[in-house]
Amino acid sequence: MAMSRELRLALITDPAMPELQPDDAGLPAAFAARGVETVVAPWGEPLPGRPCDGALVRSPWEYFMDPERFLRWVEAVEAPVLNSPEILRWNHDKRYLLDLARTGAARIPPTVLLDSPEIGATADPLLEQVGAARGVLKPTVSGGAWRTAVVERGQPVPGEIDVTAGGSFLLQAFVEELSVSGEWSLTYFGGEYSHAVLKRSSPGDFRVQEEHGGSVEFVDPPPELLREAEGILRAVPGGVPPVYGRVDLVAAASGRPYLMELELIEPELFLRARPGSAETLVRATLAALDAARSANEA
């Protein structure tokens, strides 16, 4: 693909938070250095200005509040969308974790799929299904720990689960190593490893997100985590590595690491963790757009 000022790329954000997030603030300059104009475009609206040559999904934070509308919108964009709409549709529902475990591509905590009417007032019958003293209950379509809570034997199901809203849930046995060793987030661009961070929850909490009091440390992961993450990414449907992806793993006391999430829609990529990582994302994006153009011309 010729790198000229004529190339135009939409950076997809959220209507409620249309500006680029701090971690993505350097992307326009990184693309401009390769002769690419960028425009910020909240999802659900027409791409602004003249036609775009592609769209890079970055921070549609609240897509899970109306996921089908979001997916229909990306599928209707008249330009290549990255990651692809097919990947986004597969990854938006946490049932993908069951898919990866079923094929042996990943190890996940003991997990059951529940419809909201199956979730009663007390946690014990649920936890018996995963053989654990406590677990994490979360909607299959959610983000940012929305409607997610720890459930414990002898305790009622927390009210924030709100089963009256309907939908399906995953119940997973609580990974005790998470509280001790934290959760690793490994970032990949075009299937190639870029950098990692180690996230830890605050005392008494299970959530590792910074907005919930968690901390982030920029460190290199052990080799076994790199091997696990690369195998998981190879199992993503479509046969083409995602342009960007974040693999969230917890090292287990024994056996393979646990896959907690494979983030292919709107992950924070922690670009600040490695100088030059924004440029690596730019190269992966342009390579994918070039491949899409070649496929259309074939």
C-alpha atoms as a PDB file:
ATOM      1  CA  MET A   1       0.000   0.000   0.000  1.00  0.00           C
ATOM      2  CA  ALA A   2       1.452   3.348  -0.959  1.00  0.00           C
ATOM      3  CA  MET A   3       2.169   5.440   2.098  1.00  0.00           C
ATOM      4  CA  SER A   4       0.842   8.883   1.183  1.00  0.00           C
ATOM      5  CA  ARG A   5      -1.202  11.607   2.763  1.00  0.00           C
ATOM      6  CA  GLU A   6      -4.143  10.257   0.795  1.00  0.00           C
ATOM      7  CA  LEU A   7      -4.465   7.260   3.104  1.00  0.00           C
ATOM      8  CA  ARG A   8      -7.081   7.920   5.773  1.00  0.00           C
ATOM      9  CA  LEU A   9      -7.828   5.820   8.843  1.00  0.00           C
ATOM     10  CA  ALA A  10     -10.692   6.064  11.348  1.00  0.00           C
ATOM     11  CA  LEU A  11      -9.865   5.408  15.009  1.00  0.00           C
ATOM     12  CA  ILE A  12     -13.086   4.011  16.499  1.00  0.00           C
ATOM     13  CA  THR A  13     -14.070   5.253  19.959  1.00  0.00           C
ATOM     14  CA  ASP A  14     -17.253   5.388  22.062  1.00  0.00           C
ATOM     15  CA  PRO A  15     -20.080   7.927  21.619  1.00  0.00           C
ATOM     16  CA  ALA A  16     -20.081   8.596  25.374  1.00  0.00           C
ATOM     17  CA  MET A  17     -16.271   9.045  25.427  1.00  0.00           C
ATOM     18  CA  PRO A  18     -15.371  10.080  21.886  1.00  0.00           C
ATOM     19  CA  GLU A  19     -11.875  11.386  22.544  1.00  0.00           C
ATOM     20  CA  LEU A  20      -8.866   9.106  22.291  1.00  0.00           C
ATOM     21  CA  GLN A  21      -7.890   7.544  25.598  1.00  0.00           C
ATOM     22  CA  PRO A  22      -4.529   8.605  27.099  1.00  0.00           C
ATOM     23  CA  ASP A  23      -2.844   5.365  26.074  1.00  0.00           C
ATOM     24  CA  ASP A  24      -3.832   5.971  22.436  1.00  0.00           C
ATOM     25  CA  ALA A  25      -3.001   9.687  22.351  1.00  0.00           C
ATOM     26  CA  GLY A  26       0.216   9.108  20.397  1.00  0.00           C
ATOM     27  CA  LEU A  27      -1.404   7.110  17.593  1.00  0.00           C
ATOM     28  CA  PRO A  28      -2.281  10.052  15.289  1.00  0.00           C
ATOM     29  CA  ALA A  29       1.347  11.201  15.279  1.00  0.00           C
ATOM     30  CA  ALA A  30       2.618   7.650  14.763  1.00  0.00           C
ATOM     31  CA  PHE A  31       0.322   7.186  11.764  1.00  0.00           C
ATOM     32  CA  ALA A  32       1.150  10.650  10.415  1.00  0.00           C
ATOM     33  CA  ALA A  33       4.836   9.695  10.417  1.00  0.00           C
ATOM     34  CA  ARG A  34       3.901   6.995   7.873  1.00  0.00           C
ATOM     35  CA  GLY A  35       1.861   9.424   5.776  1.00  0.00           C
ATOM     36  CA  VAL A  36      -1.523   8.399   7.153  1.00  0.00           C
ATOM     37  CA  GLU A  37      -4.237  10.832   8.178  1.00  0.00           C
ATOM     38  CA  THR A  38      -6.363   9.725  11.130  1.00  0.00           C
ATOM     39  CA  VAL A  39      -9.797  10.819  12.247  1.00  0.00           C
ATOM     40  CA  VAL A  40     -11.509   9.948  15.522  1.00  0.00           C
ATOM     41  CA  ALA A  41     -14.889   8.312  14.871  1.00  0.00           C
ATOM     42  CA  PRO A  42     -17.348   7.267  17.609  1.00  0.00           C
ATOM     43  CA  TRP A  43     -19.056   4.010  16.682  1.00  0.00           C
ATOM     44  CA  GLY A  44     -22.691   4.113  15.643  1.00  0.00           C
ATOM     45  CA  GLU A  45     -22.199   7.248  13.557  1.00  0.00           C
ATOM     46  CA  PRO A  46     -21.119   7.672   9.912  1.00  0.00           C
ATOM     47  CA  LEU A  47     -17.363   7.979   9.492  1.00  0.00           C
ATOM     48  CA  PRO A  48     -16.692  11.727   9.256  1.00  0.00           C
ATOM     49  CA  GLY A  49     -15.455  13.575   6.194  1.00  0.00           C
ATOM     50  CA  ARG A  50     -14.183  11.952   3.032  1.00  0.00           C
ATOM     51  CA  PRO A  51     -14.132   8.161   2.727  1.00  0.00           C
ATOM     52  CA  CYS A  52     -11.734   6.233   4.956  1.00  0.00           C
ATOM     53  CA  ASP A  53      -9.408   3.480   3.759  1.00  0.00           C
ATOM     54  CA  GLY A  54      -9.820   1.569   6.998  1.00  0.00           C
ATOM     55  CA  ALA A  55     -11.056   1.668  10.586  1.00  0.00           C
ATOM     56  CA  LEU A  56      -9.066   0.648  13.654  1.00  0.00           C
ATOM     57  CA  VAL A  57     -11.287  -0.234  16.624  1.00  0.00           C
ATOM     58  CA  ARG A  58      -9.764   1.271  19.744  1.00  0.00           C
ATOM     59  CA  SER A  59     -12.029   2.296  22.607  1.00  0.00           C
ATOM     60  CA  PRO A  60     -15.728   1.511  22.088  1.00  0.00           C
ATOM     61  CA  TRP A  61     -15.871   1.045  25.861  1.00  0.00           C
ATOM     62  CA  GLU A  62     -19.635   0.603  26.233  1.00  0.00           C
ATOM     63  CA  TYR A  63     -20.335  -1.554  23.181  1.00  0.00           C
ATOM     64  CA  PHE A  64     -21.481  -4.367  25.500  1.00  0.00           C
ATOM     65  CA  MET A  65     -24.517  -2.297  26.511  1.00  0.00           C
ATOM     66  CA  ASP A  66     -25.881  -2.801  22.962  1.00  0.00           C
ATOM     67  CA  PRO A  67     -23.588  -5.413  21.421  1.00  0.00           C
ATOM     68  CA  GLU A  68     -25.714  -6.383  18.432  1.00  0.00           C
ATOM     69  CA  ARG A  69     -26.011  -2.766  17.341  1.00  0.00           C
ATOM     70  CA  PHE A  70     -22.244  -2.365  17.651  1.00  0.00           C
ATOM     71  CA  LEU A  71     -21.539  -5.507  15.648  1.00  0.00           C
ATOM     72  CA  ARG A  72     -24.023  -4.592  12.919  1.00  0.00           C
ATOM     73  CA  TRP A  73     -22.399  -1.162  12.693  1.00  0.00           C
ATOM     74  CA  VAL A  74     -18.849  -2.494  12.231  1.00  0.00           C
ATOM     75  CA  GLU A  75     -20.110  -5.034   9.711  1.00  0.00           C
ATOM     76  CA  ALA A  76     -21.671  -2.196   7.689  1.00  0.00           C
ATOM     77  CA  VAL A  77     -18.574   0.056   7.607  1.00  0.00           C
ATOM     78  CA  GLU A  78     -17.535   0.483   3.970  1.00  0.00           C
ATOM     79  CA  ALA A  79     -13.842  -0.012   4.662  1.00  0.00           C
ATOM     80  CA  PRO A  80     -11.732  -2.776   6.225  1.00  0.00           C
ATOM     81  CA  VAL A  81     -12.311  -2.880   9.996  1.00  0.00           C
ATOM     82  CA  LEU A  82      -9.501  -4.020  12.290  1.00  0.00           C
ATOM     83  CA  ASN A  83      -9.751  -6.272  14.073  1.00  0.00           C
ATOM     84  CA  SER A  84     -12.091  -7.854  11.567  1.00  0.00           C
ATOM     85  CA  PRO A  85     -15.849  -7.950  12.236  1.00  0.00           C
ATOM     86  CA  GLU A  86     -15.610 -11.748  12.295  1.00  0.00           C
ATOM     87  CA  ILE A  87     -13.059 -11.642  15.101  1.00  0.00           C
ATOM     88  CA  LEU A  88     -15.050  -8.998  16.975  1.00  0.00           C
ATOM     89  CA  ARG A  89     -18.238 -11.067  16.813  1.00  0.00           C
ATOM     90  CA  TRP A  90     -16.439 -14.190  18.065  1.00  0.00           C
ATOM     91  CA  ASN A  91     -14.624 -12.338  20.847  1.00  0.00           C
ATOM     92  CA  HIS A  92     -17.495 -10.181  22.141  1.00  0.00           C
ATOM     93  CA  ASP A  93     -19.127 -13.097  23.979  1.00  0.00           C
ATOM     94  CA  LYS A  94     -17.091 -14.810  26.694  1.00  0.00           C
ATOM     95  CA  ARG A  95     -18.226 -18.177  25.418  1.00  0.00           C
ATOM     96  CA  TYR A  96     -15.070 -17.932  23.325  1.00  0.00           C
ATOM     97  CA  LEU A  97     -13.255 -19.058  26.499  1.00  0.00           C
ATOM     98  CA  LEU A  98     -15.173 -22.320  26.369  1.00  0.00           C
ATOM     99  CA  ASP A  99     -14.299 -22.665  22.675  1.00  0.00           C
ATOM    100  CA  LEU A 100     -10.577 -22.286  23.388  1.00  0.00           C
ATOM    101  CA  ALA A 101     -10.696 -24.697  26.317  1.00  0.00           C
ATOM    102  CA  ARG A 102     -12.652 -27.273  24.326  1.00  0.00           C
ATOM    103  CA  THR A 103      -9.996 -27.383  21.593  1.00  0.00           C
ATOM    104  CA  GLY A 104      -7.132 -27.473  24.102  1.00  0.00           C
ATOM    105  CA  ALA A 105      -5.792 -24.096  22.990  1.00  0.00           C
ATOM    106  CA  ALA A 106      -6.151 -22.686  26.496  1.00  0.00           C
ATOM    107  CA  ARG A 107      -6.576 -23.708  30.098  1.00  0.00           C
ATOM    108  CA  ILE A 108      -9.372 -21.862  31.889  1.00  0.00           C
ATOM    109  CA  PRO A 109     -10.591 -22.157  35.494  1.00  0.00           C
ATOM    110  CA  PRO A 110     -13.428 -24.656  36.078  1.00  0.00           C
ATOM    111  CA  THR A 111     -16.315 -22.913  34.330  1.00  0.00           C
ATOM    112  CA  VAL A 112     -20.035 -23.386  33.762  1.00  0.00           C
ATOM    113  CA  LEU A 113     -22.430 -21.496  31.513  1.00  0.00           C
ATOM    114  CA  LEU A 114     -25.659 -20.368  33.208  1.00  0.00           C
ATOM    115  CA  ASP A 115     -28.818 -18.669  32.077  1.00  0.00           C
ATOM    116  CA  SER A 116     -30.016 -16.003  34.500  1.00  0.00           C
ATOM    117  CA  PRO A 117     -33.049 -18.067  35.719  1.00  0.00           C
ATOM    118  CA  GLU A 118     -30.579 -20.726  36.914  1.00  0.00           C
ATOM    119  CA  ILE A 119     -28.966 -18.284  39.341  1.00  0.00           C
ATOM    120  CA  GLY A 120     -30.755 -18.437  42.657  1.00  0.00           C
ATOM    121  CA  ALA A 121     -30.436 -16.373  45.804  1.00  0.00           C
ATOM    122  CA  THR A 122     -27.582 -18.341  47.358  1.00  0.00           C
ATOM    123  CA  ALA A 123     -24.163 -19.213  45.998  1.00  0.00           C
ATOM    124  CA  ASP A 124     -23.773 -22.800  47.258  1.00  0.00           C
ATOM    125  CA  PRO A 125     -25.636 -24.639  44.473  1.00  0.00           C
ATOM    126  CA  LEU A 126     -23.659 -22.691  41.882  1.00  0.00           C
ATOM    127  CA  LEU A 127     -20.267 -23.288  43.437  1.00  0.00           C
ATOM    128  CA  GLU A 128     -20.940 -27.017  43.667  1.00  0.00           C
ATOM    129  CA  GLN A 129     -20.932 -27.043  39.857  1.00  0.00           C
ATOM    130  CA  VAL A 130     -17.331 -25.813  39.703  1.00  0.00           C
ATOM    131  CA  GLY A 131     -16.130 -27.531  42.881  1.00  0.00           C
ATOM    132  CA  ALA A 132     -14.938 -24.348  44.533  1.00  0.00           C
ATOM    133  CA  ALA A 133     -15.426 -22.434  47.769  1.00  0.00           C
ATOM    134  CA  ARG A 134     -15.738 -19.204  45.847  1.00  0.00           C
ATOM    135  CA  GLY A 135     -16.074 -18.132  42.262  1.00  0.00           C
ATOM    136  CA  VAL A 136     -16.516 -15.211  39.906  1.00  0.00           C
ATOM    137  CA  LEU A 137     -19.885 -14.721  38.258  1.00  0.00           C
ATOM    138  CA  LYS A 138     -20.036 -12.473  35.188  1.00  0.00           C
ATOM    139  CA  PRO A 139     -22.238 -11.935  32.133  1.00  0.00           C
ATOM    140  CA  THR A 140     -21.026 -13.562  28.952  1.00  0.00           C
ATOM    141  CA  VAL A 141     -21.185 -10.113  27.333  1.00  0.00           C
ATOM    142  CA  SER A 142     -19.667  -7.462  29.558  1.00  0.00           C
ATOM    143  CA  GLY A 143     -16.598  -5.340  30.165  1.00  0.00           C
ATOM    144  CA  GLY A 144     -14.793  -3.496  32.926  1.00  0.00           C
ATOM    145  CA  ALA A 145     -16.141  -5.868  35.622  1.00  0.00           C
ATOM    146  CA  TRP A 146     -19.715  -4.746  34.839  1.00  0.00           C
ATOM    147  CA  ARG A 147     -22.285  -6.914  36.702  1.00  0.00           C
ATOM    148  CA  THR A 148     -19.389  -9.056  37.921  1.00  0.00           C
ATOM    149  CA  ALA A 149     -18.893 -10.225  41.492  1.00  0.00           C
ATOM    150  CA  VAL A 150     -17.283 -12.857  43.677  1.00  0.00           C
ATOM    151  CA  VAL A 151     -19.682 -15.458  45.065  1.00  0.00           C
ATOM    152  CA  GLU A 152     -18.827 -17.437  48.218  1.00  0.00           C
ATOM    153  CA  ARG A 153     -20.208 -20.507  49.935  1.00  0.00           C
ATOM    154  CA  GLY A 154     -22.730 -19.695  52.634  1.00  0.00           C
ATOM    155  CA  GLN A 155     -23.349 -16.241  51.182  1.00  0.00           C
ATOM    156  CA  PRO A 156     -26.145 -14.780  49.042  1.00  0.00           C
ATOM    157  CA  VAL A 157     -25.473 -13.956  45.411  1.00  0.00           C
ATOM    158  CA  PRO A 158     -24.427 -10.273  45.398  1.00  0.00           C
ATOM    159  CA  GLY A 159     -27.020  -7.804  44.206  1.00  0.00           C
ATOM    160  CA  GLU A 160     -24.739  -6.278  41.566  1.00  0.00           C
ATOM    161  CA  ILE A 161     -25.168  -9.449  39.516  1.00  0.00           C
ATOM    162  CA  ASP A 162     -28.760  -8.275  38.786  1.00  0.00           C
ATOM    163  CA  VAL A 163     -30.131 -11.463  37.242  1.00  0.00           C
ATOM    164  CA  THR A 164     -33.441  -9.658  36.631  1.00  0.00           C
ATOM    165  CA  ALA A 165     -31.779  -8.024  33.618  1.00  0.00           C
ATOM    166  CA  GLY A 166     -31.571 -11.453  31.978  1.00  0.00           C
ATOM    167  CA  GLY A 167     -28.817 -12.819  29.806  1.00  0.00           C
ATOM    168  CA  SER A 168     -26.265 -15.578  30.200  1.00  0.00           C
ATOM    169  CA  PHE A 169     -23.439 -15.797  32.727  1.00  0.00           C
ATOM    170  CA  LEU A 170     -20.190 -17.615  33.231  1.00  0.00           C
ATOM    171  CA  LEU A 171     -19.360 -18.918  36.685  1.00  0.00           C
ATOM    172  CA  GLN A 172     -15.661 -19.622  37.142  1.00  0.00           C
ATOM    173  CA  ALA A 173     -13.846 -21.021  40.122  1.00  0.00           C
ATOM    174  CA  PHE A 174     -11.839 -18.254  41.744  1.00  0.00           C
ATOM    175  CA  VAL A 175      -8.161 -18.460  40.775  1.00  0.00           C
ATOM    176  CA  GLU A 176      -6.439 -18.047  44.130  1.00  0.00           C
ATOM    177  CA  GLU A 177      -3.075 -17.371  42.459  1.00  0.00           C
ATOM    178  CA  LEU A 178      -4.527 -14.115  41.136  1.00  0.00           C
ATOM    179  CA  SER A 179      -4.418 -12.562  44.601  1.00  0.00           C
ATOM    180  CA  VAL A 180      -0.831 -13.715  45.148  1.00  0.00           C
ATOM    181  CA  SER A 181       0.973 -13.380  41.843  1.00  0.00           C
ATOM    182  CA  GLY A 182      -1.300 -11.037  39.892  1.00  0.00           C
ATOM    183  CA  GLU A 183      -2.477 -11.141  36.283  1.00  0.00           C
ATOM    184  CA  TRP A 184      -0.218 -10.782  33.262  1.00  0.00           C
ATOM    185  CA  SER A 185      -1.330  -8.877  30.175  1.00  0.00           C
ATOM    186  CA  LEU A 186       0.727  -9.731  27.082  1.00  0.00           C
ATOM    187  CA  THR A 187       0.264  -7.455  24.062  1.00  0.00           C
ATOM    188  CA  TYR A 188       0.690  -8.657  20.478  1.00  0.00           C
ATOM    189  CA  PHE A 189       0.591  -6.831  17.147  1.00  0.00           C
ATOM    190  CA  GLY A 190       0.080  -8.844  13.977  1.00  0.00           C
ATOM    191  CA  GLY A 191       0.730 -12.009  15.965  1.00  0.00           C
ATOM    192  CA  GLU A 192       4.124 -10.773  17.201  1.00  0.00           C
ATOM    193  CA  TYR A 193       4.859 -10.192  20.874  1.00  0.00           C
ATOM    194  CA  SER A 194       5.414  -6.544  21.839  1.00  0.00           C
ATOM    195  CA  HIS A 195       5.379  -6.101  25.636  1.00  0.00           C
ATOM    196  CA  ALA A 196       3.690  -7.109  28.882  1.00  0.00           C
ATOM    197  CA  VAL A 197       2.490  -5.700  32.155  1.00  0.00           C
ATOM    198  CA  LEU A 198       1.754  -7.347  35.492  1.00  0.00           C
ATOM    199  CA  LYS A 199      -1.483  -6.187  37.117  1.00  0.00           C
ATOM    200  CA  ARG A 200      -2.315  -6.640  40.789  1.00  0.00           C
ATOM    201  CA  SER A 201      -5.548  -6.023  42.656  1.00  0.00           C
ATOM    202  CA  SER A 202      -5.773  -3.843  45.724  1.00  0.00           C
ATOM    203  CA  PRO A 203      -6.063  -5.634  49.114  1.00  0.00           C
ATOM    204  CA  GLY A 204      -9.496  -7.166  49.574  1.00  0.00           C
ATOM    205  CA  ASP A 205     -10.508  -6.803  45.911  1.00  0.00           C
ATOM    206  CA  PHE A 206     -10.327  -9.243  43.009  1.00  0.00           C
ATOM    207  CA  ARG A 207     -10.393  -6.675  40.188  1.00  0.00           C
ATOM    208  CA  VAL A 208      -7.022  -5.751  38.725  1.00  0.00           C
ATOM    209  CA  GLN A 209      -8.189  -2.773  36.662  1.00  0.00           C
ATOM    210  CA  GLU A 210      -6.620   0.541  37.619  1.00  0.00           C
ATOM    211  CA  GLU A 211     -10.046   2.171  37.862  1.00  0.00           C
ATOM    212  CA  HIS A 212     -10.824  -0.323  40.633  1.00  0.00           C
ATOM    213  CA  GLY A 213      -7.632   0.372  42.573  1.00  0.00           C
ATOM    214  CA  GLY A 214      -5.357  -2.114  40.838  1.00  0.00           C
ATOM    215  CA  SER A 215      -1.711  -1.465  40.024  1.00  0.00           C
ATOM    216  CA  VAL A 216       0.361  -1.981  36.874  1.00  0.00           C
ATOM    217  CA  GLU A 217       4.035  -2.912  36.619  1.00  0.00           C
ATOM    218  CA  PHE A 218       5.968  -2.962  33.340  1.00  0.00           C
ATOM    219  CA  VAL A 219       7.957  -6.231  33.401  1.00  0.00           C
ATOM    220  CA  ASP A 220       8.996  -9.046  31.063  1.00  0.00           C
ATOM    221  CA  PRO A 221       6.950 -12.249  31.305  1.00  0.00           C
ATOM    222  CA  PRO A 222       8.461 -15.698  31.857  1.00  0.00           C
ATOM    223  CA  PRO A 223       8.911 -17.858  28.718  1.00  0.00           C
ATOM    224  CA  GLU A 224       6.070 -20.237  29.601  1.00  0.00           C
ATOM    225  CA  LEU A 225       3.579 -17.374  29.483  1.00  0.00           C
ATOM    226  CA  LEU A 226       4.849 -16.291  26.072  1.00  0.00           C
ATOM    227  CA  ARG A 227       4.446 -19.819  24.734  1.00  0.00           C
ATOM    228  CA  GLU A 228       0.921 -20.055  26.136  1.00  0.00           C
ATOM    229  CA  ALA A 229      -0.153 -16.698  24.737  1.00  0.00           C
ATOM    230  CA  GLU A 230       1.197 -17.469  21.280  1.00  0.00           C
ATOM    231  CA  GLY A 231      -0.664 -20.763  21.162  1.00  0.00           C
ATOM    232  CA  ILE A 232      -3.905 -19.042  22.149  1.00  0.00           C
ATOM    233  CA  LEU A 233      -3.526 -16.403  19.441  1.00  0.00           C
ATOM    234  CA  ARG A 234      -2.938 -19.085  16.816  1.00  0.00           C
ATOM    235  CA  ALA A 235      -6.366 -20.515  17.719  1.00  0.00           C
ATOM    236  CA  VAL A 236      -8.270 -17.303  16.889  1.00  0.00           C
ATOM    237  CA  PRO A 237     -10.744 -18.080  14.075  1.00  0.00           C
ATOM    238  CA  GLY A 238      -9.955 -16.906  10.578  1.00  0.00           C
ATOM    239  CA  GLY A 239      -6.392 -18.092  10.227  1.00  0.00           C
ATOM    240  CA  VAL A 240      -4.952 -14.548  10.215  1.00  0.00           C
ATOM    241  CA  PRO A 241      -3.314 -13.080  13.336  1.00  0.00           C
ATOM    242  CA  PRO A 242      -5.296 -10.226  14.892  1.00  0.00           C
ATOM    243  CA  VAL A 243      -3.829  -6.789  14.236  1.00  0.00           C
ATOM    244  CA  TYR A 244      -3.819  -6.241  17.992  1.00  0.00           C
ATOM    245  CA  GLY A 245      -4.562  -8.487  20.929  1.00  0.00           C
ATOM    246  CA  ARG A 246      -4.007  -8.738  24.647  1.00  0.00           C
ATOM    247  CA  VAL A 247      -3.760 -12.098  26.362  1.00  0.00           C
ATOM    248  CA  ASP A 248      -4.516 -11.997  30.101  1.00  0.00           C
ATOM    249  CA  LEU A 249      -2.980 -14.924  31.984  1.00  0.00           C
ATOM    250  CA  VAL A 250      -2.460 -16.008  35.574  1.00  0.00           C
ATOM    251  CA  ALA A 251       0.447 -18.304  36.370  1.00  0.00           C
ATOM    252  CA  ALA A 252      -0.866 -21.427  38.106  1.00  0.00           C
ATOM    253  CA  ALA A 253       0.662 -23.157  41.109  1.00  0.00           C
ATOM    254  CA  SER A 254       0.843 -26.259  38.927  1.00  0.00           C
ATOM    255  CA  GLY A 255       0.262 -26.932  35.272  1.00  0.00           C
ATOM    256  CA  ARG A 256      -0.457 -24.487  32.477  1.00  0.00           C
ATOM    257  CA  PRO A 257      -1.322 -20.842  33.125  1.00  0.00           C
ATOM    258  CA  TYR A 258      -4.979 -19.906  33.249  1.00  0.00           C
ATOM    259  CA  LEU A 259      -6.423 -17.774  30.461  1.00  0.00           C
ATOM    260  CA  MET A 260      -8.593 -15.102  32.064  1.00  0.00           C
ATOM    261  CA  GLU A 261      -9.430 -13.061  28.960  1.00  0.00           C
ATOM    262  CA  LEU A 262      -8.368 -12.759  25.332  1.00  0.00           C
ATOM    263  CA  GLU A 263      -9.011  -9.093  24.526  1.00  0.00           C
ATOM    264  CA  LEU A 264      -9.462  -8.448  20.798  1.00  0.00           C
ATOM    265  CA  ILE A 265     -12.008  -5.601  20.753  1.00  0.00           C
ATOM    266  CA  GLU A 266     -11.133  -2.654  22.986  1.00  0.00           C
ATOM    267  CA  PRO A 267      -8.206  -3.606  25.212  1.00  0.00           C
ATOM    268  CA  GLU A 268      -5.941  -1.075  26.790  1.00  0.00           C
ATOM    269  CA  LEU A 269      -2.703  -1.953  25.030  1.00  0.00           C
ATOM    270  CA  PHE A 270      -0.367  -0.304  27.544  1.00  0.00           C
ATOM    271  CA  LEU A 271       1.546   1.369  24.719  1.00  0.00           C
ATOM    272  CA  ARG A 272       3.384   3.408  27.325  1.00  0.00           C
ATOM    273  CA  ALA A 273       5.044   0.212  28.553  1.00  0.00           C
ATOM    274  CA  ARG A 274       7.445   0.021  25.600  1.00  0.00           C
ATOM    275  CA  PRO A 275       8.858   2.893  23.542  1.00  0.00           C
ATOM    276  CA  GLY A 276       8.074   2.326  19.880  1.00  0.00           C
ATOM    277  CA  SER A 277       5.058   0.095  20.469  1.00  0.00           C
ATOM    278  CA  ALA A 278       2.714   2.615  18.834  1.00  0.00           C
ATOM    279  CA  GLU A 279       4.842   2.427  15.696  1.00  0.00           C
ATOM    280  CA  THR A 280       4.651  -1.379  15.829  1.00  0.00           C
ATOM    281  CA  LEU A 281       0.860  -1.164  15.934  1.00  0.00           C
ATOM    282  CA  VAL A 282       0.955   1.221  12.957  1.00  0.00           C
ATOM    283  CA  ARG A 283       3.000  -1.260  10.927  1.00  0.00           C
ATOM    284  CA  ALA A 284       0.655  -4.125  11.778  1.00  0.00           C
ATOM    285  CA  THR A 285      -2.359  -1.990  10.835  1.00  0.00           C
ATOM    286  CA  LEU A 286      -0.918  -0.964   7.477  1.00  0.00           C
ATOM    287  CA  ALA A 287       0.094  -4.537   6.681  1.00  0.00           C
ATOM    288  CA  ALA A 288      -3.469  -5.712   7.357  1.00  0.00           C
ATOM    289  CA  LEU A 289      -4.936  -2.943   5.205  1.00  0.00           C
ATOM    290  CA  ASP A 290      -2.524  -3.848   2.420  1.00  0.00           C
ATOM    291  CA  ALA A 291      -3.577  -7.508   2.679  1.00  0.00           C
ATOM    292  CA  ALA A 292      -7.257  -6.505   2.569  1.00  0.00           C
ATOM    293  CA  ARG A 293      -6.657  -4.386  -0.524  1.00  0.00           C
ATOM    294  CA  SER A 294      -4.799  -7.200  -2.268  1.00  0.00           C
ATOM    295  CA  ALA A 295      -7.593  -9.643  -1.446  1.00  0.00           C
ATOM    296  CA  ASN A 296     -10.189  -7.283  -2.922  1.00  0.00           C
ATOM    297  CA  GLU A 297      -8.163  -6.851  -6.094  1.00  0.00           C
ATOM    298  CA  ALA A 298      -7.603 -10.587  -6.582  1.00  0.00           C
END
